[in-house]
Amino acid sequence: MAEAFEAYAYVVTAGVFGILFAAYLFWEVSKVKVTRRGDGYALLASEVRHQTADRLFEIYCAIQEGARAFLLAEYTLCFAFIIVFGAVVLVLTSFVNKDGQKFDWLFGTLNATAFAVGGLTSMAAGYMGMMVAVYSNARTTVSAMKEGARGWRDAFNTAFRAGAVMGFGLSSMALLVLFILIKAFETQYPLSTDYKKLFEAISGYGLGGSSIAMFGRVGGGIYTKAADVGADLAGKVVENIPEDDPRNPATIADNVGDNVGDVAGMGSDLFGSLAESTCACLVISTQSPEIISAGWPAVLFPLVITATGIFVSAIISFLATHVWPVKKEK
């Protein structure tokens, strides 16, 4: 019992630490201050000329507005998909037709619940990544305007920390939500002989995460390429102006597309990969009588590996930004 508690404490501590560390990194990014001025926000940095800052702020707001509009449209459809396909998962996983029992509605309900939770968590991971990316874009630009090694260091650190916010946030969120699901489902399958069924029900968590990742990757990729080609056709071909020229309105859609495909889709995809691999390990581990007889510390080993990775990644990120920071191009 004491060993099981130690495993629980280690997993939960790692998850909470990861979220707090992500919050700390976000705070570091936010040190490039944004303050309200008039009817909106203005970026403040002593190294940036006033006119440049206003233009930078204008582009930043346009990209942010486009990113939010896309996520609202995409996640509205994703939410509807979770409801409809969740009902399909409920019916199909409830049908057992075994030992005179045709339906096991408890198992199906738990599986559908895990699917819905996985899908919603994947959406949260994608949204978090997209908003942090948009939030840090202008701040990275401002940091890069500083002269010499300070500009290289601050620009890299700002971008690196923003990416780490998504990485630590989604991995910690995936770990904690999965652990909570396991403990919640354990109330329905409390015996060690039920472990196999318990983790088969949990596997819906990975399915939900990967389903939303598919929408993020494929849907986001189509939007990204459509915006890219559209901007090139309208600008370079029709009007004969350079690529990414601010005179081309489609440039904003192109920049939104870069965030959609490379950040929001990737965030959901990373979450889906982590959830799928962890659930697969849990299902496979319960096929071994030796692992089941060893109890929860052995069963939760895949979660312990993820928890350890969070601590190690925090140390490595500190080395990259404080011990050996970027000081020049090469």
Protein backbone atom coordinates (compact mmCIF):
# COMPACT_ATOMS: atom_id res chain seq x y z
CA MET A 1 0.00 0.00 0.00
CA ALA A 2 2.85 2.37 0.83
CA GLU A 3 4.51 1.64 -2.52
CA ALA A 4 1.25 2.38 -4.34
CA PHE A 5 0.94 5.71 -2.52
CA GLU A 6 4.51 6.60 -3.51
CA ALA A 7 3.70 5.91 -7.17
CA TYR A 8 0.53 8.03 -6.93
CA ALA A 9 2.40 10.88 -5.25
CA TYR A 10 5.22 10.81 -7.80
CA VAL A 11 2.84 10.97 -10.78
CA VAL A 12 0.68 13.73 -9.28
CA THR A 13 3.70 15.74 -8.16
CA ALA A 14 5.20 15.58 -11.65
CA GLY A 15 1.92 16.67 -13.23
CA VAL A 16 1.46 19.61 -10.87
CA PHE A 17 5.12 20.57 -11.23
CA GLY A 18 4.82 20.55 -15.03
CA ILE A 19 1.81 22.87 -14.97
CA LEU A 20 3.49 25.23 -12.52
CA PHE A 21 6.68 25.22 -14.59
CA ALA A 22 4.65 26.01 -17.72
CA ALA A 23 3.05 28.91 -15.85
CA TYR A 24 6.51 30.14 -14.83
CA LEU A 25 7.73 30.01 -18.43
CA PHE A 26 4.63 31.90 -19.59
CA TRP A 27 5.38 34.54 -16.97
CA GLU A 28 8.92 34.84 -18.34
CA VAL A 29 7.53 35.37 -21.86
CA SER A 30 5.07 37.98 -20.57
CA LYS A 31 7.93 40.10 -19.23
CA VAL A 32 7.89 41.78 -22.64
CA LYS A 33 5.02 43.86 -21.31
CA VAL A 34 1.64 44.38 -22.93
CA THR A 35 -0.43 47.18 -21.45
CA ARG A 36 -3.80 48.66 -22.32
CA ARG A 37 -3.71 51.88 -24.29
CA GLY A 38 -6.87 53.51 -25.62
CA ASP A 39 -9.11 50.98 -27.35
CA GLY A 40 -6.61 48.11 -27.42
CA TYR A 41 -3.20 46.92 -26.33
CA ALA A 42 0.20 48.30 -27.15
CA LEU A 43 3.54 46.52 -26.98
CA LEU A 44 6.04 48.31 -24.77
CA ALA A 45 9.78 47.97 -25.29
CA SER A 46 12.38 50.68 -24.99
CA GLU A 47 14.37 49.30 -27.92
CA VAL A 48 11.48 49.53 -30.37
CA ARG A 49 10.58 52.72 -32.17
CA HIS A 50 7.03 53.94 -31.57
CA GLN A 51 5.88 53.61 -35.18
CA THR A 52 7.35 50.13 -35.53
CA ALA A 53 5.66 49.03 -32.29
CA ASP A 54 2.27 50.26 -33.51
CA ARG A 55 2.64 48.39 -36.80
CA LEU A 56 3.82 45.28 -35.00
CA PHE A 57 0.85 45.49 -32.67
CA GLU A 58 -1.56 45.84 -35.60
CA ILE A 59 -0.24 42.69 -37.28
CA TYR A 60 -0.17 40.82 -33.96
CA CYS A 61 -3.85 41.60 -33.31
CA ALA A 62 -4.87 40.56 -36.83
CA ILE A 63 -3.13 37.19 -36.52
CA GLN A 64 -4.58 36.65 -33.05
CA GLU A 65 -8.10 37.41 -34.30
CA GLY A 66 -7.68 35.04 -37.24
CA ALA A 67 -6.33 32.26 -35.01
CA ARG A 68 -9.25 32.54 -32.62
CA ALA A 69 -11.76 32.56 -35.49
CA PHE A 70 -10.27 29.40 -36.97
CA LEU A 71 -10.16 27.56 -33.65
CA LEU A 72 -13.77 28.51 -32.91
CA ALA A 73 -14.91 27.13 -36.28
CA GLU A 74 -12.81 23.98 -36.05
CA TYR A 75 -13.55 23.14 -32.42
CA THR A 76 -17.28 23.65 -32.90
CA LEU A 77 -17.19 20.81 -35.42
CA CYS A 78 -14.85 18.78 -33.21
CA PHE A 79 -17.23 19.12 -30.27
CA ALA A 80 -20.12 17.87 -32.42
CA PHE A 81 -17.93 14.96 -33.56
CA ILE A 82 -17.16 14.02 -29.95
CA ILE A 83 -20.87 13.87 -29.13
CA VAL A 84 -21.87 11.84 -32.21
CA PHE A 85 -18.91 9.47 -32.28
CA GLY A 86 -19.01 9.17 -28.50
CA ALA A 87 -22.50 7.68 -28.85
CA VAL A 88 -21.13 5.24 -31.44
CA VAL A 89 -18.31 4.25 -29.08
CA LEU A 90 -20.84 3.75 -26.28
CA VAL A 91 -22.96 1.33 -28.30
CA LEU A 92 -20.15 -0.59 -29.98
CA THR A 93 -18.04 -1.08 -26.86
CA SER A 94 -21.10 -2.04 -24.79
CA PHE A 95 -21.91 -4.91 -27.15
CA VAL A 96 -20.18 -8.00 -25.75
CA ASN A 97 -22.51 -10.93 -26.53
CA LYS A 98 -20.64 -13.13 -24.08
CA ASP A 99 -21.71 -15.50 -21.29
CA GLY A 100 -25.36 -14.84 -22.02
CA GLN A 101 -24.88 -11.08 -21.64
CA LYS A 102 -25.47 -9.07 -24.78
CA PHE A 103 -24.58 -5.58 -23.54
CA ASP A 104 -22.25 -4.32 -20.82
CA TRP A 105 -23.42 -0.72 -20.53
CA LEU A 106 -21.06 0.09 -17.67
CA PHE A 107 -18.00 -0.75 -19.76
CA GLY A 108 -19.38 1.13 -22.76
CA THR A 109 -20.21 4.20 -20.70
CA LEU A 110 -16.72 4.32 -19.20
CA ASN A 111 -15.12 3.86 -22.61
CA ALA A 112 -17.23 6.64 -24.13
CA THR A 113 -16.46 8.88 -21.16
CA ALA A 114 -12.73 8.30 -21.61
CA PHE A 115 -13.12 9.05 -25.33
CA ALA A 116 -14.89 12.35 -24.64
CA VAL A 117 -12.37 13.38 -21.98
CA GLY A 118 -9.48 12.56 -24.32
CA GLY A 119 -11.02 14.58 -27.13
CA LEU A 120 -11.70 17.60 -24.93
CA THR A 121 -8.20 17.48 -23.44
CA SER A 122 -6.72 17.32 -26.94
CA MET A 123 -8.73 20.40 -27.91
CA ALA A 124 -7.47 22.19 -24.81
CA ALA A 125 -3.87 21.27 -25.71
CA GLY A 126 -4.26 22.62 -29.24
CA TYR A 127 -5.93 25.83 -28.07
CA MET A 128 -3.26 26.43 -25.44
CA GLY A 129 -0.47 25.95 -27.96
CA MET A 130 -2.06 28.25 -30.53
CA MET A 131 -2.73 31.07 -28.07
CA VAL A 132 0.75 30.88 -26.56
CA ALA A 133 2.31 30.91 -30.03
CA VAL A 134 0.35 33.98 -31.12
CA TYR A 135 1.04 35.64 -27.78
CA SER A 136 4.80 35.13 -28.11
CA ASN A 137 5.21 35.95 -31.81
CA ALA A 138 5.30 39.73 -31.39
CA ARG A 139 7.33 39.44 -28.20
CA THR A 140 9.96 37.37 -29.97
CA THR A 141 10.15 40.03 -32.68
CA VAL A 142 10.62 42.77 -30.09
CA SER A 143 13.34 40.75 -28.36
CA ALA A 144 15.14 40.18 -31.67
CA MET A 145 15.36 43.94 -32.25
CA LYS A 146 17.87 44.27 -29.42
CA GLU A 147 21.47 44.67 -30.49
CA GLY A 148 24.23 42.08 -30.42
CA ALA A 149 24.29 38.93 -28.33
CA ARG A 150 21.44 40.22 -26.18
CA GLY A 151 19.10 40.14 -29.17
CA TRP A 152 20.06 36.57 -30.09
CA ARG A 153 19.71 35.39 -26.50
CA ASP A 154 16.41 37.09 -25.69
CA ALA A 155 14.77 36.18 -29.01
CA PHE A 156 15.73 32.52 -28.66
CA ASN A 157 14.72 32.37 -25.00
CA THR A 158 11.33 33.97 -25.70
CA ALA A 159 10.52 31.54 -28.51
CA PHE A 160 11.97 28.55 -26.63
CA ARG A 161 10.00 29.28 -23.48
CA ALA A 162 6.78 29.77 -25.44
CA GLY A 163 7.23 26.35 -27.04
CA ALA A 164 8.04 24.83 -23.67
CA VAL A 165 4.79 26.21 -22.25
CA MET A 166 2.86 24.03 -24.68
CA GLY A 167 5.16 21.05 -24.15
CA PHE A 168 5.05 21.05 -20.37
CA GLY A 169 1.40 22.07 -20.29
CA LEU A 170 0.06 19.34 -22.55
CA SER A 171 2.24 16.54 -21.15
CA SER A 172 1.32 17.44 -17.56
CA MET A 173 -2.33 17.81 -18.47
CA ALA A 174 -2.32 14.45 -20.25
CA LEU A 175 -0.65 12.78 -17.26
CA LEU A 176 -2.96 14.24 -14.61
CA VAL A 177 -6.19 13.70 -16.55
CA LEU A 178 -5.25 10.10 -17.33
CA PHE A 179 -4.38 9.42 -13.69
CA ILE A 180 -7.69 10.93 -12.53
CA LEU A 181 -9.58 8.76 -15.04
CA ILE A 182 -7.79 5.64 -13.81
CA LYS A 183 -8.65 6.35 -10.17
CA ALA A 184 -12.25 7.24 -11.07
CA PHE A 185 -12.74 4.06 -13.11
CA GLU A 186 -11.12 2.01 -10.35
CA THR A 187 -14.22 2.63 -8.24
CA GLN A 188 -16.14 0.50 -10.76
CA TYR A 189 -13.41 -2.13 -11.22
CA PRO A 190 -11.72 -2.33 -7.79
CA LEU A 191 -10.34 -5.89 -7.96
CA SER A 192 -7.00 -6.84 -9.47
CA THR A 193 -8.84 -9.33 -11.66
CA ASP A 194 -10.65 -6.35 -13.22
CA TYR A 195 -7.46 -4.52 -14.27
CA LYS A 196 -7.71 -5.80 -17.83
CA LYS A 197 -11.22 -4.45 -18.25
CA LEU A 198 -10.33 -1.23 -16.45
CA PHE A 199 -7.54 -0.31 -18.84
CA GLU A 200 -9.47 -1.44 -21.90
CA ALA A 201 -12.06 1.14 -20.87
CA ILE A 202 -9.29 3.70 -20.35
CA SER A 203 -8.08 3.11 -23.93
CA GLY A 204 -10.89 5.36 -25.16
CA TYR A 205 -8.82 8.25 -23.82
CA GLY A 206 -6.16 7.69 -26.46
CA LEU A 207 -8.78 7.27 -29.20
CA GLY A 208 -10.37 10.60 -28.31
CA GLY A 209 -7.03 12.39 -28.31
CA SER A 210 -5.94 10.95 -31.66
CA SER A 211 -9.33 11.69 -33.26
CA ILE A 212 -9.08 15.40 -32.50
CA ALA A 213 -5.42 15.34 -33.54
CA MET A 214 -6.56 14.08 -36.94
CA PHE A 215 -8.86 17.10 -37.30
CA GLY A 216 -6.11 19.44 -36.17
CA ARG A 217 -3.44 17.99 -38.45
CA VAL A 218 -5.52 17.37 -41.58
CA GLY A 219 -7.93 20.29 -41.26
CA GLY A 220 -5.19 22.63 -40.16
CA GLY A 221 -2.90 21.42 -42.94
CA ILE A 222 -5.53 22.05 -45.60
CA TYR A 223 -6.17 25.55 -44.24
CA THR A 224 -2.44 26.24 -44.08
CA LYS A 225 -1.77 25.19 -47.67
CA ALA A 226 -4.88 26.93 -49.00
CA ALA A 227 -3.85 30.19 -47.31
CA ASP A 228 -0.25 29.82 -48.51
CA VAL A 229 -1.13 29.15 -52.15
CA GLY A 230 -3.89 31.76 -52.11
CA ALA A 231 -1.52 34.41 -50.78
CA ASP A 232 1.08 33.54 -53.42
CA LEU A 233 -1.44 33.62 -56.27
CA ALA A 234 -2.98 36.90 -55.17
CA GLY A 235 0.35 38.56 -54.43
CA LYS A 236 3.15 37.25 -56.60
CA VAL A 237 1.14 36.13 -59.62
CA VAL A 238 -1.72 38.63 -59.87
CA GLU A 239 -0.28 41.81 -58.32
CA ASN A 240 3.45 41.07 -58.76
CA ILE A 241 4.37 41.93 -55.17
CA PRO A 242 6.87 39.99 -53.00
CA GLU A 243 5.90 37.08 -50.78
CA ASP A 244 4.71 38.01 -47.27
CA ASP A 245 4.33 41.64 -48.32
CA PRO A 246 2.17 43.58 -45.81
CA ARG A 247 0.22 45.08 -48.73
CA ASN A 248 -1.23 41.63 -49.42
CA PRO A 249 -4.21 40.95 -47.08
CA ALA A 250 -3.80 37.20 -47.64
CA THR A 251 -0.46 37.40 -45.83
CA ILE A 252 -2.37 37.51 -42.53
CA ALA A 253 -4.26 34.33 -43.47
CA ASP A 254 -0.92 32.77 -44.42
CA ASN A 255 0.55 33.61 -41.00
CA VAL A 256 -2.57 32.32 -39.25
CA GLY A 257 -2.19 29.13 -41.27
CA ASP A 258 1.38 28.69 -40.09
CA ASN A 259 0.16 28.79 -36.49
CA VAL A 260 -2.77 26.49 -37.24
CA GLY A 261 -0.79 23.75 -38.93
CA ASP A 262 2.49 23.94 -37.06
CA VAL A 263 1.22 24.69 -33.55
CA ALA A 264 -2.45 23.86 -32.90
CA GLY A 265 -2.38 20.69 -34.99
CA MET A 266 0.96 19.64 -33.58
CA GLY A 267 -0.19 20.27 -30.01
CA SER A 268 -3.19 17.97 -30.44
CA ASP A 269 -1.02 15.46 -32.29
CA LEU A 270 1.60 15.37 -29.53
CA PHE A 271 -1.11 14.91 -26.93
CA GLY A 272 -2.71 12.14 -28.99
CA SER A 273 0.62 10.34 -29.39
CA LEU A 274 1.34 10.54 -25.66
CA ALA A 275 -2.16 9.39 -24.71
CA GLU A 276 -2.19 6.54 -27.24
CA SER A 277 1.23 5.19 -26.32
CA THR A 278 0.52 5.36 -22.59
CA CYS A 279 -2.88 3.67 -22.93
CA ALA A 280 -1.35 0.97 -25.15
CA CYS A 281 1.33 0.27 -22.54
CA LEU A 282 -1.29 0.06 -19.80
CA VAL A 283 -3.46 -2.36 -21.79
CA ILE A 284 -0.48 -4.57 -22.68
CA SER A 285 0.84 -4.57 -19.12
CA THR A 286 -2.42 -5.99 -17.77
CA GLN A 287 -1.98 -9.07 -19.96
CA SER A 288 0.86 -10.14 -17.65
CA PRO A 289 -0.14 -11.93 -14.43
CA GLU A 290 3.23 -11.01 -12.92
CA ILE A 291 2.64 -7.28 -13.40
CA ILE A 292 -0.89 -7.50 -12.00
CA SER A 293 0.31 -9.43 -8.96
CA ALA A 294 2.97 -6.74 -8.35
CA GLY A 295 0.21 -4.18 -7.84
CA TRP A 296 -0.26 -0.55 -8.81
CA PRO A 297 3.42 0.52 -8.75
CA ALA A 298 4.14 -1.92 -11.58
CA VAL A 299 0.92 -1.20 -13.49
CA LEU A 300 1.50 2.57 -13.40
CA PHE A 301 5.09 2.30 -14.64
CA PRO A 302 4.24 3.98 -18.01
CA LEU A 303 2.94 7.01 -16.11
CA VAL A 304 6.06 7.04 -13.93
CA ILE A 305 8.20 7.18 -17.09
CA THR A 306 6.25 10.21 -18.35
CA ALA A 307 6.51 11.86 -14.93
CA THR A 308 10.28 11.38 -14.92
CA GLY A 309 10.47 12.90 -18.39
CA ILE A 310 8.80 16.08 -17.12
CA PHE A 311 11.45 16.56 -14.43
CA VAL A 312 14.33 15.83 -16.82
CA SER A 313 12.94 18.18 -19.48
CA ALA A 314 12.70 21.00 -16.94
CA ILE A 315 16.39 20.61 -16.14
CA ILE A 316 17.38 20.53 -19.82
CA SER A 317 15.29 23.61 -20.64
CA PHE A 318 17.01 25.50 -17.82
CA LEU A 319 20.40 24.58 -19.29
CA ALA A 320 19.33 25.84 -22.72
CA THR A 321 18.15 29.24 -21.49
CA HIS A 322 20.45 30.01 -18.55
CA VAL A 323 23.63 27.93 -18.61
CA TRP A 324 24.37 27.78 -22.36
CA PRO A 325 22.16 30.43 -23.96
CA VAL A 326 22.30 31.36 -27.64
CA LYS A 327 24.63 34.33 -28.16
CA LYS A 328 25.16 34.44 -31.93
CA GLU A 329 23.86 32.96 -35.17
CA LYS A 330 26.38 30.12 -35.32
